[in-house]
């Protein structure tokens, strides 16, 4: 372990741009998202991403994953 003390450390700036168009998808409409077209993650990871984004946007959403499991419906329900 090194005992060196750095005078300054510059971190790269945080990206303010989100990966997905949440504002569009959270407009209250029912959106059908397609894996491989609208997102590349596996369906459960994307579902988690939807709920985490909803928390950041301070809204409530619902999701539905029909069979085949490469589609997901999302809809904003209300503001928190």
N, C-alpha and C. Protein backbone atom coordinates (compact mmCIF):
# COMPACT_ATOMS: atom_id res chain seq x y z
N UNK A 1 0.85 -1.19 0.00
CA UNK A 1 0.00 0.00 0.00
C UNK A 1 0.88 1.24 0.00
N UNK A 2 0.55 2.17 -0.78
CA UNK A 2 1.33 3.39 -0.92
C UNK A 2 0.83 4.44 0.06
N UNK A 3 1.75 5.23 0.58
CA UNK A 3 1.39 6.32 1.49
C UNK A 3 1.47 7.67 0.79
N UNK A 4 1.46 7.66 -0.54
CA UNK A 4 1.56 8.91 -1.29
C UNK A 4 0.28 9.73 -1.12
N UNK A 5 0.44 11.01 -0.96
CA UNK A 5 -0.70 11.91 -0.87
C UNK A 5 -0.73 12.73 -2.15
N UNK A 6 -1.86 12.73 -2.77
CA UNK A 6 -2.02 13.50 -4.01
C UNK A 6 -2.49 14.90 -3.67
N UNK A 7 -1.93 15.86 -4.35
CA UNK A 7 -2.35 17.23 -4.15
C UNK A 7 -3.72 17.51 -4.74
N UNK A 8 -4.03 16.82 -5.83
CA UNK A 8 -5.30 17.05 -6.51
C UNK A 8 -5.65 15.82 -7.33
N UNK A 9 -6.90 15.51 -7.37
CA UNK A 9 -7.37 14.41 -8.19
C UNK A 9 -8.57 14.90 -8.97
N UNK A 10 -8.47 14.80 -10.25
CA UNK A 10 -9.57 15.25 -11.11
C UNK A 10 -10.35 14.05 -11.59
N UNK A 11 -11.62 14.05 -11.25
CA UNK A 11 -12.52 12.99 -11.71
C UNK A 11 -13.19 13.46 -13.00
N UNK A 12 -13.48 12.55 -13.89
CA UNK A 12 -14.20 12.97 -15.10
C UNK A 12 -15.59 13.49 -14.72
N UNK A 13 -16.11 14.44 -15.46
CA UNK A 13 -17.45 14.97 -15.13
C UNK A 13 -18.51 13.88 -15.28
N UNK A 14 -19.50 13.95 -14.42
CA UNK A 14 -20.62 13.01 -14.51
C UNK A 14 -21.46 13.33 -15.73
N UNK A 15 -21.90 12.30 -16.37
CA UNK A 15 -22.77 12.50 -17.53
C UNK A 15 -24.16 12.88 -17.04
N UNK A 16 -24.66 14.00 -17.51
CA UNK A 16 -26.02 14.43 -17.14
C UNK A 16 -27.06 13.83 -18.08
N UNK A 17 -26.59 13.31 -19.18
CA UNK A 17 -27.49 12.75 -20.17
C UNK A 17 -27.83 11.31 -19.81
N UNK A 18 -29.10 10.98 -19.82
CA UNK A 18 -29.53 9.64 -19.49
C UNK A 18 -29.47 8.75 -20.73
N UNK A 19 -29.31 7.47 -20.49
CA UNK A 19 -29.17 6.51 -21.58
C UNK A 19 -30.47 6.34 -22.36
N UNK A 20 -31.59 6.42 -21.68
CA UNK A 20 -32.90 6.20 -22.31
C UNK A 20 -33.74 7.47 -22.23
N UNK A 21 -34.71 7.64 -23.14
CA UNK A 21 -35.55 8.85 -23.14
C UNK A 21 -36.68 8.76 -22.11
N UNK A 22 -36.28 8.80 -20.81
CA UNK A 22 -37.26 8.61 -19.74
C UNK A 22 -38.37 9.65 -19.79
N UNK A 23 -38.03 10.90 -20.03
CA UNK A 23 -39.07 11.95 -20.05
C UNK A 23 -40.14 11.63 -21.08
N UNK A 24 -39.73 11.13 -22.20
CA UNK A 24 -40.68 10.73 -23.26
C UNK A 24 -41.49 9.53 -22.80
N UNK A 25 -40.79 8.51 -22.30
CA UNK A 25 -41.46 7.27 -21.90
C UNK A 25 -42.34 7.45 -20.66
N UNK A 26 -42.07 8.50 -19.87
CA UNK A 26 -42.85 8.75 -18.66
C UNK A 26 -43.88 9.85 -18.87
N UNK A 27 -44.44 9.95 -20.07
CA UNK A 27 -45.41 11.00 -20.35
C UNK A 27 -46.85 10.60 -20.01
N UNK A 28 -47.04 9.37 -19.53
CA UNK A 28 -48.39 8.90 -19.18
C UNK A 28 -48.97 7.95 -20.20
N UNK A 29 -48.40 7.91 -21.39
CA UNK A 29 -48.85 6.96 -22.41
C UNK A 29 -48.37 5.55 -22.05
N UNK A 30 -48.99 4.57 -22.65
CA UNK A 30 -48.50 3.19 -22.52
C UNK A 30 -47.49 2.98 -23.63
N UNK A 31 -46.26 2.65 -23.25
CA UNK A 31 -45.18 2.45 -24.21
C UNK A 31 -44.82 0.98 -24.29
N UNK A 32 -44.67 0.48 -25.50
CA UNK A 32 -44.19 -0.88 -25.73
C UNK A 32 -42.72 -0.79 -26.11
N UNK A 33 -41.86 -1.33 -25.24
CA UNK A 33 -40.43 -1.32 -25.48
C UNK A 33 -39.99 -2.70 -25.95
N UNK A 34 -39.13 -2.72 -26.95
CA UNK A 34 -38.68 -3.98 -27.53
C UNK A 34 -37.19 -4.17 -27.27
N UNK A 35 -36.86 -5.33 -26.71
CA UNK A 35 -35.45 -5.66 -26.48
C UNK A 35 -34.74 -5.74 -27.82
N UNK A 36 -33.54 -5.18 -27.89
CA UNK A 36 -32.78 -5.17 -29.13
C UNK A 36 -33.10 -3.98 -30.01
N UNK A 37 -34.21 -3.31 -29.73
CA UNK A 37 -34.60 -2.12 -30.50
C UNK A 37 -34.59 -0.88 -29.60
N UNK A 38 -35.29 -0.96 -28.47
CA UNK A 38 -35.37 0.16 -27.54
C UNK A 38 -34.34 0.05 -26.40
N UNK A 39 -33.92 -1.16 -26.10
CA UNK A 39 -32.94 -1.41 -25.05
C UNK A 39 -32.21 -2.71 -25.35
N UNK A 40 -30.99 -2.83 -24.81
CA UNK A 40 -30.18 -4.02 -25.05
C UNK A 40 -30.03 -4.93 -23.83
N UNK A 41 -30.39 -4.43 -22.67
CA UNK A 41 -30.25 -5.21 -21.43
C UNK A 41 -31.21 -6.39 -21.42
N UNK A 42 -30.96 -7.34 -20.51
CA UNK A 42 -31.95 -8.41 -20.35
C UNK A 42 -33.20 -7.79 -19.72
N UNK A 43 -34.31 -8.46 -19.85
CA UNK A 43 -35.61 -7.88 -19.51
C UNK A 43 -35.71 -7.50 -18.03
N UNK A 44 -35.18 -8.33 -17.12
CA UNK A 44 -35.27 -8.01 -15.70
C UNK A 44 -34.38 -6.83 -15.33
N UNK A 45 -33.22 -6.72 -15.96
CA UNK A 45 -32.36 -5.55 -15.72
C UNK A 45 -33.04 -4.28 -16.21
N UNK A 46 -33.68 -4.36 -17.35
CA UNK A 46 -34.38 -3.19 -17.89
C UNK A 46 -35.56 -2.82 -17.01
N UNK A 47 -36.27 -3.80 -16.52
CA UNK A 47 -37.39 -3.53 -15.62
C UNK A 47 -36.89 -2.80 -14.37
N UNK A 48 -35.78 -3.25 -13.82
CA UNK A 48 -35.18 -2.57 -12.66
C UNK A 48 -34.78 -1.15 -13.02
N UNK A 49 -34.22 -0.97 -14.21
CA UNK A 49 -33.81 0.36 -14.67
C UNK A 49 -35.01 1.30 -14.76
N UNK A 50 -36.14 0.78 -15.21
CA UNK A 50 -37.36 1.59 -15.31
C UNK A 50 -37.77 2.09 -13.93
N UNK A 51 -37.79 1.19 -12.93
CA UNK A 51 -38.20 1.60 -11.58
C UNK A 51 -37.19 2.54 -10.93
N UNK A 52 -35.91 2.34 -11.19
CA UNK A 52 -34.89 3.26 -10.65
C UNK A 52 -35.02 4.64 -11.30
N UNK A 53 -35.27 4.68 -12.60
CA UNK A 53 -35.45 5.96 -13.29
C UNK A 53 -36.71 6.66 -12.78
N UNK A 54 -37.76 5.89 -12.54
CA UNK A 54 -38.99 6.48 -12.00
C UNK A 54 -38.73 7.12 -10.64
N UNK A 55 -37.94 6.47 -9.81
CA UNK A 55 -37.60 7.03 -8.50
C UNK A 55 -36.81 8.33 -8.67
N UNK A 56 -35.88 8.37 -9.61
CA UNK A 56 -35.11 9.60 -9.87
C UNK A 56 -36.01 10.73 -10.37
N UNK A 57 -37.04 10.37 -11.14
CA UNK A 57 -37.97 11.36 -11.69
C UNK A 57 -39.13 11.64 -10.74
N UNK A 58 -39.11 10.96 -9.59
CA UNK A 58 -40.12 11.16 -8.54
C UNK A 58 -41.54 10.86 -9.03
N UNK A 59 -41.66 9.74 -9.73
CA UNK A 59 -42.97 9.31 -10.24
C UNK A 59 -43.19 7.84 -9.92
N UNK A 60 -44.44 7.41 -10.08
CA UNK A 60 -44.79 5.99 -9.96
C UNK A 60 -45.07 5.45 -11.35
N UNK A 61 -44.59 4.25 -11.62
CA UNK A 61 -44.80 3.62 -12.91
C UNK A 61 -45.29 2.19 -12.71
N UNK A 62 -45.79 1.62 -13.79
CA UNK A 62 -46.07 0.19 -13.78
C UNK A 62 -45.46 -0.41 -15.03
N UNK A 63 -45.14 -1.69 -14.93
CA UNK A 63 -44.57 -2.41 -16.07
C UNK A 63 -45.33 -3.71 -16.24
N UNK A 64 -45.27 -4.22 -17.44
CA UNK A 64 -45.83 -5.54 -17.73
C UNK A 64 -44.94 -6.19 -18.78
N UNK A 65 -44.55 -7.43 -18.51
CA UNK A 65 -43.71 -8.19 -19.45
C UNK A 65 -44.52 -9.39 -19.93
N UNK A 66 -45.04 -9.33 -21.15
CA UNK A 66 -45.79 -10.45 -21.70
C UNK A 66 -44.84 -11.50 -22.28
N UNK A 67 -45.40 -12.60 -22.68
CA UNK A 67 -44.60 -13.60 -23.40
C UNK A 67 -44.73 -13.27 -24.87
N UNK A 68 -43.70 -13.31 -25.66
CA UNK A 68 -42.32 -13.67 -25.31
C UNK A 68 -41.69 -12.59 -24.45
N UNK A 69 -40.72 -12.95 -23.66
CA UNK A 69 -40.13 -12.05 -22.68
C UNK A 69 -39.07 -11.14 -23.30
N UNK A 70 -39.36 -10.59 -24.45
CA UNK A 70 -38.47 -9.60 -25.05
C UNK A 70 -39.19 -8.28 -25.27
N UNK A 71 -40.37 -8.16 -24.65
CA UNK A 71 -41.18 -6.96 -24.73
C UNK A 71 -41.52 -6.49 -23.33
N UNK A 72 -41.73 -5.17 -23.19
CA UNK A 72 -42.16 -4.64 -21.90
C UNK A 72 -43.03 -3.42 -22.13
N UNK A 73 -44.17 -3.40 -21.47
CA UNK A 73 -45.03 -2.22 -21.45
C UNK A 73 -44.68 -1.41 -20.22
N UNK A 74 -44.58 -0.09 -20.38
CA UNK A 74 -44.38 0.78 -19.23
C UNK A 74 -45.36 1.92 -19.32
N UNK A 75 -45.75 2.44 -18.14
CA UNK A 75 -46.66 3.59 -18.09
C UNK A 75 -46.45 4.34 -16.78
N UNK A 76 -46.39 5.65 -16.89
CA UNK A 76 -46.38 6.49 -15.70
C UNK A 76 -47.78 6.49 -15.12
N UNK A 77 -47.87 6.26 -13.80
CA UNK A 77 -49.16 6.27 -13.12
C UNK A 77 -49.45 7.63 -12.49
N UNK A 78 -48.47 8.15 -11.77
CA UNK A 78 -48.67 9.42 -11.08
C UNK A 78 -47.35 9.96 -10.57
N UNK A 79 -47.40 11.22 -10.16
CA UNK A 79 -46.26 11.79 -9.45
C UNK A 79 -46.33 11.27 -8.03
N UNK A 80 -45.16 11.19 -7.39
CA UNK A 80 -45.14 10.74 -6.00
C UNK A 80 -45.58 11.83 -5.07
